[in-house]
Amino acid sequence: TGLNPAMLDLKAGRIDGYISDIPALLYYAKVTGGVK
């Protein structure tokens, strides 16, 4: 539920990938980093 908990798990290796709207993830990767 929500992007932030998923990104925390992705960075920690608890999941291998994340599927969502491309603009939201491109913007998150640019602003926050740690994912691509």
PDB file of all heavy atoms in Angstrom:
ATOM      1  N   THR A   1       0.868  -1.180   0.000  1.00  0.00           N
ATOM      2  CA  THR A   1       0.000   0.000   0.000  1.00  0.00           C
ATOM      3  C   THR A   1       0.899   1.222   0.000  1.00  0.00           C
ATOM      4  O   THR A   1       1.470   1.598   1.026  1.00  0.00           O
ATOM      5  CB  THR A   1      -0.923   0.021   1.229  1.00  0.00           C
ATOM      6  OG1 THR A   1      -1.713  -1.169   1.225  1.00  0.00           O
ATOM      7  CG2 THR A   1      -1.842   1.237   1.203  1.00  0.00           C
ATOM      8  N   GLY A   2       1.080   1.819  -1.169  1.00  0.00           N
ATOM      9  CA  GLY A   2       1.948   2.985  -1.282  1.00  0.00           C
ATOM     10  C   GLY A   2       3.331   2.631  -1.784  1.00  0.00           C
ATOM     11  O   GLY A   2       3.800   1.492  -1.667  1.00  0.00           O
ATOM     12  N   LEU A   3       4.000   3.633  -2.339  1.00  0.00           N
ATOM     13  CA  LEU A   3       5.298   3.434  -2.969  1.00  0.00           C
ATOM     14  C   LEU A   3       6.436   3.266  -1.968  1.00  0.00           C
ATOM     15  O   LEU A   3       7.321   2.416  -2.158  1.00  0.00           O
ATOM     16  CB  LEU A   3       5.594   4.626  -3.889  1.00  0.00           C
ATOM     17  CG  LEU A   3       6.890   4.581  -4.698  1.00  0.00           C
ATOM     18  CD1 LEU A   3       6.886   3.407  -5.664  1.00  0.00           C
ATOM     19  CD2 LEU A   3       7.089   5.893  -5.450  1.00  0.00           C
ATOM     20  N   ASN A   4       6.455   4.057  -0.910  1.00  0.00           N
ATOM     21  CA  ASN A   4       7.609   4.087  -0.010  1.00  0.00           C
ATOM     22  C   ASN A   4       7.942   2.740   0.642  1.00  0.00           C
ATOM     23  O   ASN A   4       9.105   2.335   0.646  1.00  0.00           O
ATOM     24  CB  ASN A   4       7.432   5.174   1.049  1.00  0.00           C
ATOM     25  CG  ASN A   4       7.601   6.564   0.464  1.00  0.00           C
ATOM     26  OD1 ASN A   4       8.296   6.738  -0.525  1.00  0.00           O
ATOM     27  ND2 ASN A   4       6.961   7.544   1.064  1.00  0.00           N
ATOM     28  N   PRO A   5       6.954   2.010   1.211  1.00  0.00           N
ATOM     29  CA  PRO A   5       7.305   0.709   1.798  1.00  0.00           C
ATOM     30  C   PRO A   5       7.841  -0.278   0.761  1.00  0.00           C
ATOM     31  O   PRO A   5       8.731  -1.078   1.053  1.00  0.00           O
ATOM     32  CB  PRO A   5       5.993   0.212   2.416  1.00  0.00           C
ATOM     33  CG  PRO A   5       4.915   1.025   1.789  1.00  0.00           C
ATOM     34  CD  PRO A   5       5.532   2.339   1.458  1.00  0.00           C
ATOM     35  N   ALA A   6       7.336  -0.202  -0.459  1.00  0.00           N
ATOM     36  CA  ALA A   6       7.836  -1.082  -1.524  1.00  0.00           C
ATOM     37  C   ALA A   6       9.278  -0.738  -1.871  1.00  0.00           C
ATOM     38  O   ALA A   6      10.115  -1.631  -2.060  1.00  0.00           O
ATOM     39  CB  ALA A   6       6.954  -0.958  -2.759  1.00  0.00           C
ATOM     40  N   MET A   7       9.594   0.556  -1.930  1.00  0.00           N
ATOM     41  CA  MET A   7      10.953   0.970  -2.263  1.00  0.00           C
ATOM     42  C   MET A   7      11.940   0.579  -1.155  1.00  0.00           C
ATOM     43  O   MET A   7      13.088   0.198  -1.440  1.00  0.00           O
ATOM     44  CB  MET A   7      11.008   2.478  -2.509  1.00  0.00           C
ATOM     45  CG  MET A   7      10.285   2.929  -3.772  1.00  0.00           C
ATOM     46  SD  MET A   7      10.951   2.240  -5.322  1.00  0.00           S
ATOM     47  CE  MET A   7       9.811   0.880  -5.629  1.00  0.00           C
ATOM     48  N   LEU A   8      11.502   0.641   0.081  1.00  0.00           N
ATOM     49  CA  LEU A   8      12.361   0.209   1.195  1.00  0.00           C
ATOM     50  C   LEU A   8      12.696  -1.276   1.064  1.00  0.00           C
ATOM     51  O   LEU A   8      13.847  -1.691   1.233  1.00  0.00           O
ATOM     52  CB  LEU A   8      11.675   0.485   2.537  1.00  0.00           C
ATOM     53  CG  LEU A   8      11.589   1.946   2.976  1.00  0.00           C
ATOM     54  CD1 LEU A   8      10.738   2.073   4.236  1.00  0.00           C
ATOM     55  CD2 LEU A   8      12.983   2.518   3.223  1.00  0.00           C
ATOM     56  N   ASP A   9      11.696  -2.085   0.741  1.00  0.00           N
ATOM     57  CA  ASP A   9      11.926  -3.521   0.575  1.00  0.00           C
ATOM     58  C   ASP A   9      12.775  -3.817  -0.659  1.00  0.00           C
ATOM     59  O   ASP A   9      13.603  -4.741  -0.663  1.00  0.00           O
ATOM     60  CB  ASP A   9      10.593  -4.268   0.475  1.00  0.00           C
ATOM     61  CG  ASP A   9      10.005  -4.592   1.849  1.00  0.00           C
ATOM     62  OD1 ASP A   9      10.598  -4.154   2.865  1.00  0.00           O
ATOM     63  OD2 ASP A   9       8.976  -5.280   1.905  1.00  0.00           O
ATOM     64  N   LEU A  10      12.585  -3.046  -1.721  1.00  0.00           N
ATOM     65  CA  LEU A  10      13.366  -3.246  -2.935  1.00  0.00           C
ATOM     66  C   LEU A  10      14.847  -2.958  -2.675  1.00  0.00           C
ATOM     67  O   LEU A  10      15.727  -3.740  -3.049  1.00  0.00           O
ATOM     68  CB  LEU A  10      12.839  -2.342  -4.052  1.00  0.00           C
ATOM     69  CG  LEU A  10      13.500  -2.497  -5.427  1.00  0.00           C
ATOM     70  CD1 LEU A  10      13.328  -3.907  -5.962  1.00  0.00           C
ATOM     71  CD2 LEU A  10      12.919  -1.476  -6.414  1.00  0.00           C
ATOM     72  N   LYS A  11      15.119  -1.853  -2.007  1.00  0.00           N
ATOM     73  CA  LYS A  11      16.506  -1.481  -1.708  1.00  0.00           C
ATOM     74  C   LYS A  11      17.152  -2.466  -0.741  1.00  0.00           C
ATOM     75  O   LYS A  11      18.369  -2.703  -0.800  1.00  0.00           O
ATOM     76  CB  LYS A  11      16.550  -0.065  -1.132  1.00  0.00           C
ATOM     77  CG  LYS A  11      16.160   1.022  -2.122  1.00  0.00           C
ATOM     78  CD  LYS A  11      16.102   2.379  -1.439  1.00  0.00           C
ATOM     79  CE  LYS A  11      15.586   3.463  -2.378  1.00  0.00           C
ATOM     80  NZ  LYS A  11      15.481   4.779  -1.708  1.00  0.00           N
ATOM     81  N   ALA A  12      16.329  -3.044   0.144  1.00  0.00           N
ATOM     82  CA  ALA A  12      16.862  -3.989   1.136  1.00  0.00           C
ATOM     83  C   ALA A  12      16.976  -5.406   0.593  1.00  0.00           C
ATOM     84  O   ALA A  12      17.486  -6.297   1.276  1.00  0.00           O
ATOM     85  CB  ALA A  12      15.969  -3.991   2.373  1.00  0.00           C
ATOM     86  N   GLY A  13      16.487  -5.638  -0.628  1.00  0.00           N
ATOM     87  CA  GLY A  13      16.586  -6.962  -1.234  1.00  0.00           C
ATOM     88  C   GLY A  13      15.487  -7.918  -0.841  1.00  0.00           C
ATOM     89  O   GLY A  13      15.576  -9.121  -1.130  1.00  0.00           O
ATOM     90  N   ARG A  14      14.434  -7.414  -0.200  1.00  0.00           N
ATOM     91  CA  ARG A  14      13.335  -8.296   0.200  1.00  0.00           C
ATOM     92  C   ARG A  14      12.400  -8.607  -0.975  1.00  0.00           C
ATOM     93  O   ARG A  14      11.630  -9.558  -0.924  1.00  0.00           O
ATOM     94  CB  ARG A  14      12.572  -7.671   1.373  1.00  0.00           C
ATOM     95  CG  ARG A  14      13.365  -7.708   2.686  1.00  0.00           C
ATOM     96  CD  ARG A  14      12.552  -7.207   3.854  1.00  0.00           C
ATOM     97  NE  ARG A  14      12.411  -5.761   3.850  1.00  0.00           N
ATOM     98  CZ  ARG A  14      13.253  -4.916   4.456  1.00  0.00           C
ATOM     99  NH1 ARG A  14      14.322  -5.395   5.104  1.00  0.00           N
ATOM    100  NH2 ARG A  14      13.068  -3.619   4.418  1.00  0.00           N
ATOM    101  N   ILE A  15      12.450  -7.783  -2.017  1.00  0.00           N
ATOM    102  CA  ILE A  15      11.816  -8.108  -3.294  1.00  0.00           C
ATOM    103  C   ILE A  15      12.847  -7.841  -4.386  1.00  0.00           C
ATOM    104  O   ILE A  15      13.820  -7.101  -4.177  1.00  0.00           O
ATOM    105  CB  ILE A  15      10.521  -7.298  -3.555  1.00  0.00           C
ATOM    106  CG1 ILE A  15      10.791  -5.788  -3.519  1.00  0.00           C
ATOM    107  CG2 ILE A  15       9.434  -7.694  -2.574  1.00  0.00           C
ATOM    108  CD1 ILE A  15       9.579  -4.936  -3.885  1.00  0.00           C
ATOM    109  N   ASP A  16      12.642  -8.418  -5.554  1.00  0.00           N
ATOM    110  CA  ASP A  16      13.634  -8.298  -6.624  1.00  0.00           C
ATOM    111  C   ASP A  16      13.306  -7.200  -7.629  1.00  0.00           C
ATOM    112  O   ASP A  16      14.192  -6.701  -8.324  1.00  0.00           O
ATOM    113  CB  ASP A  16      13.739  -9.636  -7.366  1.00  0.00           C
ATOM    114  CG  ASP A  16      14.127 -10.771  -6.429  1.00  0.00           C
ATOM    115  OD1 ASP A  16      15.261 -10.752  -5.922  1.00  0.00           O
ATOM    116  OD2 ASP A  16      13.269 -11.650  -6.186  1.00  0.00           O
ATOM    117  N   GLY A  17      12.035  -6.855  -7.714  1.00  0.00           N
ATOM    118  CA  GLY A  17      11.626  -5.824  -8.662  1.00  0.00           C
ATOM    119  C   GLY A  17      10.298  -5.222  -8.250  1.00  0.00           C
ATOM    120  O   GLY A  17       9.624  -5.719  -7.333  1.00  0.00           O
ATOM    121  N   TYR A  18       9.919  -4.150  -8.918  1.00  0.00           N
ATOM    122  CA  TYR A  18       8.661  -3.470  -8.612  1.00  0.00           C
ATOM    123  C   TYR A  18       8.032  -3.019  -9.925  1.00  0.00           C
ATOM    124  O   TYR A  18       8.718  -2.466 -10.800  1.00  0.00           O
ATOM    125  CB  TYR A  18       8.918  -2.266  -7.708  1.00  0.00           C
ATOM    126  CG  TYR A  18       7.664  -1.564  -7.244  1.00  0.00           C
ATOM    127  CD1 TYR A  18       6.844  -2.130  -6.260  1.00  0.00           C
ATOM    128  CD2 TYR A  18       7.291  -0.334  -7.783  1.00  0.00           C
ATOM    129  CE1 TYR A  18       5.691  -1.477  -5.832  1.00  0.00           C
ATOM    130  CE2 TYR A  18       6.141   0.318  -7.358  1.00  0.00           C
ATOM    131  CZ  TYR A  18       5.349  -0.261  -6.384  1.00  0.00           C
ATOM    132  OH  TYR A  18       4.204   0.376  -5.956  1.00  0.00           O
ATOM    133  N   ILE A  19       6.735  -3.260 -10.082  1.00  0.00           N
ATOM    134  CA  ILE A  19       6.026  -2.898 -11.308  1.00  0.00           C
ATOM    135  C   ILE A  19       5.012  -1.798 -11.001  1.00  0.00           C
ATOM    136  O   ILE A  19       4.141  -1.966 -10.142  1.00  0.00           O
ATOM    137  CB  ILE A  19       5.316  -4.130 -11.913  1.00  0.00           C
ATOM    138  CG1 ILE A  19       6.352  -5.162 -12.377  1.00  0.00           C
ATOM    139  CG2 ILE A  19       4.420  -3.719 -13.085  1.00  0.00           C
ATOM    140  CD1 ILE A  19       5.756  -6.464 -12.864  1.00  0.00           C
ATOM    141  N   SER A  20       5.150  -0.671 -11.723  1.00  0.00           N
ATOM    142  CA  SER A  20       4.232   0.453 -11.514  1.00  0.00           C
ATOM    143  C   SER A  20       4.359   1.429 -12.681  1.00  0.00           C
ATOM    144  O   SER A  20       5.133   1.206 -13.612  1.00  0.00           O
ATOM    145  CB  SER A  20       4.538   1.160 -10.186  1.00  0.00           C
ATOM    146  OG  SER A  20       3.523   2.107  -9.893  1.00  0.00           O
ATOM    147  N   ASP A  21       3.589   2.542 -12.626  1.00  0.00           N
ATOM    148  CA  ASP A  21       3.596   3.555 -13.688  1.00  0.00           C
ATOM    149  C   ASP A  21       5.004   4.082 -13.915  1.00  0.00           C
ATOM    150  O   ASP A  21       5.675   4.507 -12.966  1.00  0.00           O
ATOM    151  CB  ASP A  21       2.689   4.725 -13.325  1.00  0.00           C
ATOM    152  CG  ASP A  21       1.233   4.318 -13.188  1.00  0.00           C
ATOM    153  OD1 ASP A  21       0.891   3.205 -13.607  1.00  0.00           O
ATOM    154  OD2 ASP A  21       0.444   5.121 -12.662  1.00  0.00           O
ATOM    155  N   ILE A  22       5.437   4.137 -15.159  1.00  0.00           N
ATOM    156  CA  ILE A  22       6.806   4.537 -15.455  1.00  0.00           C
ATOM    157  C   ILE A  22       7.131   5.980 -15.045  1.00  0.00           C
ATOM    158  O   ILE A  22       8.229   6.227 -14.537  1.00  0.00           O
ATOM    159  CB  ILE A  22       7.169   4.269 -16.936  1.00  0.00           C
ATOM    160  CG1 ILE A  22       8.695   4.358 -17.131  1.00  0.00           C
ATOM    161  CG2 ILE A  22       6.398   5.166 -17.880  1.00  0.00           C
ATOM    162  CD1 ILE A  22       9.165   3.788 -18.449  1.00  0.00           C
ATOM    163  N   PRO A  23       6.232   6.974 -15.203  1.00  0.00           N
ATOM    164  CA  PRO A  23       6.625   8.323 -14.791  1.00  0.00           C
ATOM    165  C   PRO A  23       6.887   8.432 -13.294  1.00  0.00           C
ATOM    166  O   PRO A  23       7.821   9.112 -12.864  1.00  0.00           O
ATOM    167  CB  PRO A  23       5.441   9.203 -15.222  1.00  0.00           C
ATOM    168  CG  PRO A  23       4.306   8.263 -15.395  1.00  0.00           C
ATOM    169  CD  PRO A  23       4.902   6.978 -15.833  1.00  0.00           C
ATOM    170  N   ALA A  24       6.067   7.758 -12.495  1.00  0.00           N
ATOM    171  CA  ALA A  24       6.245   7.822 -11.038  1.00  0.00           C
ATOM    172  C   ALA A  24       7.592   7.237 -10.624  1.00  0.00           C
ATOM    173  O   ALA A  24       8.289   7.779  -9.762  1.00  0.00           O
ATOM    174  CB  ALA A  24       5.114   7.087 -10.332  1.00  0.00           C
ATOM    175  N   LEU A  25       7.992   6.129 -11.269  1.00  0.00           N
ATOM    176  CA  LEU A  25       9.244   5.474 -10.888  1.00  0.00           C
ATOM    177  C   LEU A  25      10.457   6.199 -11.435  1.00  0.00           C
ATOM    178  O   LEU A  25      11.506   6.263 -10.774  1.00  0.00           O
ATOM    179  CB  LEU A  25       9.228   4.015 -11.324  1.00  0.00           C
ATOM    180  CG  LEU A  25       8.644   3.035 -10.297  1.00  0.00           C
ATOM    181  CD1 LEU A  25       9.470   3.039  -9.011  1.00  0.00           C
ATOM    182  CD2 LEU A  25       7.192   3.332  -9.950  1.00  0.00           C
ATOM    183  N   LEU A  26      10.361   6.759 -12.622  1.00  0.00           N
ATOM    184  CA  LEU A  26      11.466   7.555 -13.151  1.00  0.00           C
ATOM    185  C   LEU A  26      11.711   8.769 -12.257  1.00  0.00           C
ATOM    186  O   LEU A  26      12.857   9.124 -11.954  1.00  0.00           O
ATOM    187  CB  LEU A  26      11.165   8.015 -14.583  1.00  0.00           C
ATOM    188  CG  LEU A  26      11.327   6.978 -15.686  1.00  0.00           C
ATOM    189  CD1 LEU A  26      10.824   7.535 -17.015  1.00  0.00           C
ATOM    190  CD2 LEU A  26      12.788   6.543 -15.825  1.00  0.00           C
ATOM    191  N   TYR A  27      10.625   9.406 -11.827  1.00  0.00           N
ATOM    192  CA  TYR A  27      10.763  10.580 -10.965  1.00  0.00           C
ATOM    193  C   TYR A  27      11.325  10.178  -9.603  1.00  0.00           C
ATOM    194  O   TYR A  27      12.208  10.855  -9.067  1.00  0.00           O
ATOM    195  CB  TYR A  27       9.407  11.262 -10.799  1.00  0.00           C
ATOM    196  CG  TYR A  27       9.494  12.576 -10.045  1.00  0.00           C
ATOM    197  CD1 TYR A  27      10.051  13.697 -10.650  1.00  0.00           C
ATOM    198  CD2 TYR A  27       9.023  12.690  -8.743  1.00  0.00           C
ATOM    199  CE1 TYR A  27      10.130  14.901  -9.968  1.00  0.00           C
ATOM    200  CE2 TYR A  27       9.104  13.889  -8.051  1.00  0.00           C
ATOM    201  CZ  TYR A  27       9.658  14.993  -8.672  1.00  0.00           C
ATOM    202  OH  TYR A  27       9.748  16.184  -7.993  1.00  0.00           O
ATOM    203  N   TYR A  28      10.862   9.067  -9.050  1.00  0.00           N
ATOM    204  CA  TYR A  28      11.383   8.594  -7.758  1.00  0.00           C
ATOM    205  C   TYR A  28      12.872   8.294  -7.875  1.00  0.00           C
ATOM    206  O   TYR A  28      13.669   8.676  -7.004  1.00  0.00           O
ATOM    207  CB  TYR A  28      10.631   7.346  -7.306  1.00  0.00           C
ATOM    208  CG  TYR A  28      11.108   6.824  -5.960  1.00  0.00           C
ATOM    209  CD1 TYR A  28      10.482   7.212  -4.780  1.00  0.00           C
ATOM    210  CD2 TYR A  28      12.196   5.956  -5.876  1.00  0.00           C
ATOM    211  CE1 TYR A  28      10.930   6.759  -3.552  1.00  0.00           C
ATOM    212  CE2 TYR A  28      12.650   5.491  -4.648  1.00  0.00           C
ATOM    213  CZ  TYR A  28      12.016   5.898  -3.492  1.00  0.00           C
ATOM    214  OH  TYR A  28      12.475   5.444  -2.269  1.00  0.00           O
ATOM    215  N   ALA A  29      13.273   7.611  -8.946  1.00  0.00           N
ATOM    216  CA  ALA A  29      14.687   7.262  -9.125  1.00  0.00           C
ATOM    217  C   ALA A  29      15.550   8.511  -9.234  1.00  0.00           C
ATOM    218  O   ALA A  29      16.661   8.561  -8.700  1.00  0.00           O
ATOM    219  CB  ALA A  29      14.849   6.393 -10.371  1.00  0.00           C
ATOM    220  N   LYS A  30      15.030   9.535  -9.904  1.00  0.00           N
ATOM    221  CA  LYS A  30      15.778  10.785 -10.074  1.00  0.00           C
ATOM    222  C   LYS A  30      15.923  11.538  -8.759  1.00  0.00           C
ATOM    223  O   LYS A  30      17.004  12.014  -8.405  1.00  0.00           O
ATOM    224  CB  LYS A  30      15.083  11.673 -11.105  1.00  0.00           C
ATOM    225  CG  LYS A  30      15.709  13.057 -11.270  1.00  0.00           C
ATOM    226  CD  LYS A  30      14.920  13.868 -12.283  1.00  0.00           C
ATOM    227  CE  LYS A  30      15.516  15.262 -12.457  1.00  0.00           C
ATOM    228  NZ  LYS A  30      15.327  16.118 -11.255  1.00  0.00           N
ATOM    229  N   VAL A  31      14.828  11.639  -8.017  1.00  0.00           N
ATOM    230  CA  VAL A  31      14.812  12.475  -6.812  1.00  0.00           C
ATOM    231  C   VAL A  31      15.399  11.761  -5.595  1.00  0.00           C
ATOM    232  O   VAL A  31      16.154  12.344  -4.813  1.00  0.00           O
ATOM    233  CB  VAL A  31      13.371  12.950  -6.509  1.00  0.00           C
ATOM    234  CG1 VAL A  31      13.297  13.669  -5.169  1.00  0.00           C
ATOM    235  CG2 VAL A  31      12.873  13.857  -7.624  1.00  0.00           C
ATOM    236  N   THR A  32      15.072  10.476  -5.429  1.00  0.00           N
ATOM    237  CA  THR A  32      15.441   9.749  -4.212  1.00  0.00           C
ATOM    238  C   THR A  32      16.663   8.852  -4.418  1.00  0.00           C
ATOM    239  O   THR A  32      17.502   8.712  -3.536  1.00  0.00           O
ATOM    240  CB  THR A  32      14.248   8.907  -3.719  1.00  0.00           C
ATOM    241  OG1 THR A  32      13.107   9.762  -3.581  1.00  0.00           O
ATOM    242  CG2 THR A  32      14.558   8.267  -2.377  1.00  0.00           C
ATOM    243  N   GLY A  33      16.752   8.212  -5.578  1.00  0.00           N
ATOM    244  CA  GLY A  33      17.896   7.344  -5.869  1.00  0.00           C
ATOM    245  C   GLY A  33      17.773   5.976  -5.226  1.00  0.00           C
ATOM    246  O   GLY A  33      16.808   5.661  -4.523  1.00  0.00           O
ATOM    247  N   GLY A  34      18.770   5.136  -5.464  1.00  0.00           N
ATOM    248  CA  GLY A  34      18.795   3.790  -4.897  1.00  0.00           C
ATOM    249  C   GLY A  34      18.088   2.749  -5.727  1.00  0.00           C
ATOM    250  O   GLY A  34      18.167   1.546  -5.433  1.00  0.00           O
ATOM    251  N   VAL A  35      17.382   3.185  -6.774  1.00  0.00           N
ATOM    252  CA  VAL A  35      16.680   2.265  -7.664  1.00  0.00           C
ATOM    253  C   VAL A  35      16.866   2.744  -9.098  1.00  0.00           C
ATOM    254  O   VAL A  35      17.257   3.890  -9.339  1.00  0.00           O
ATOM    255  CB  VAL A  35      15.171   2.165  -7.340  1.00  0.00           C
ATOM    256  CG1 VAL A  35      14.940   1.700  -5.912  1.00  0.00           C
ATOM    257  CG2 VAL A  35      14.477   3.509  -7.588  1.00  0.00           C
ATOM    258  N   LYS A  36      16.556   1.872 -10.059  1.00  0.00           N
ATOM    259  CA  LYS A  36      16.645   2.243 -11.472  1.00  0.00           C
ATOM    260  C   LYS A  36      15.531   1.568 -12.259  1.00  0.00           C
ATOM    261  O   LYS A  36      15.158   0.424 -11.973  1.00  0.00           O
ATOM    262  CB  LYS A  36      18.006   1.860 -12.046  1.00  0.00           C
ATOM    263  CG  LYS A  36      18.344   0.368 -11.923  1.00  0.00           C
ATOM    264  CD  LYS A  36      19.760   0.063 -12.405  1.00  0.00           C
ATOM    265  CE  LYS A  36      20.098  -1.427 -12.241  1.00  0.00           C
ATOM    266  NZ  LYS A  36      21.468  -1.755 -12.654  1.00  0.00           N
TER     267      LYS A  36
END
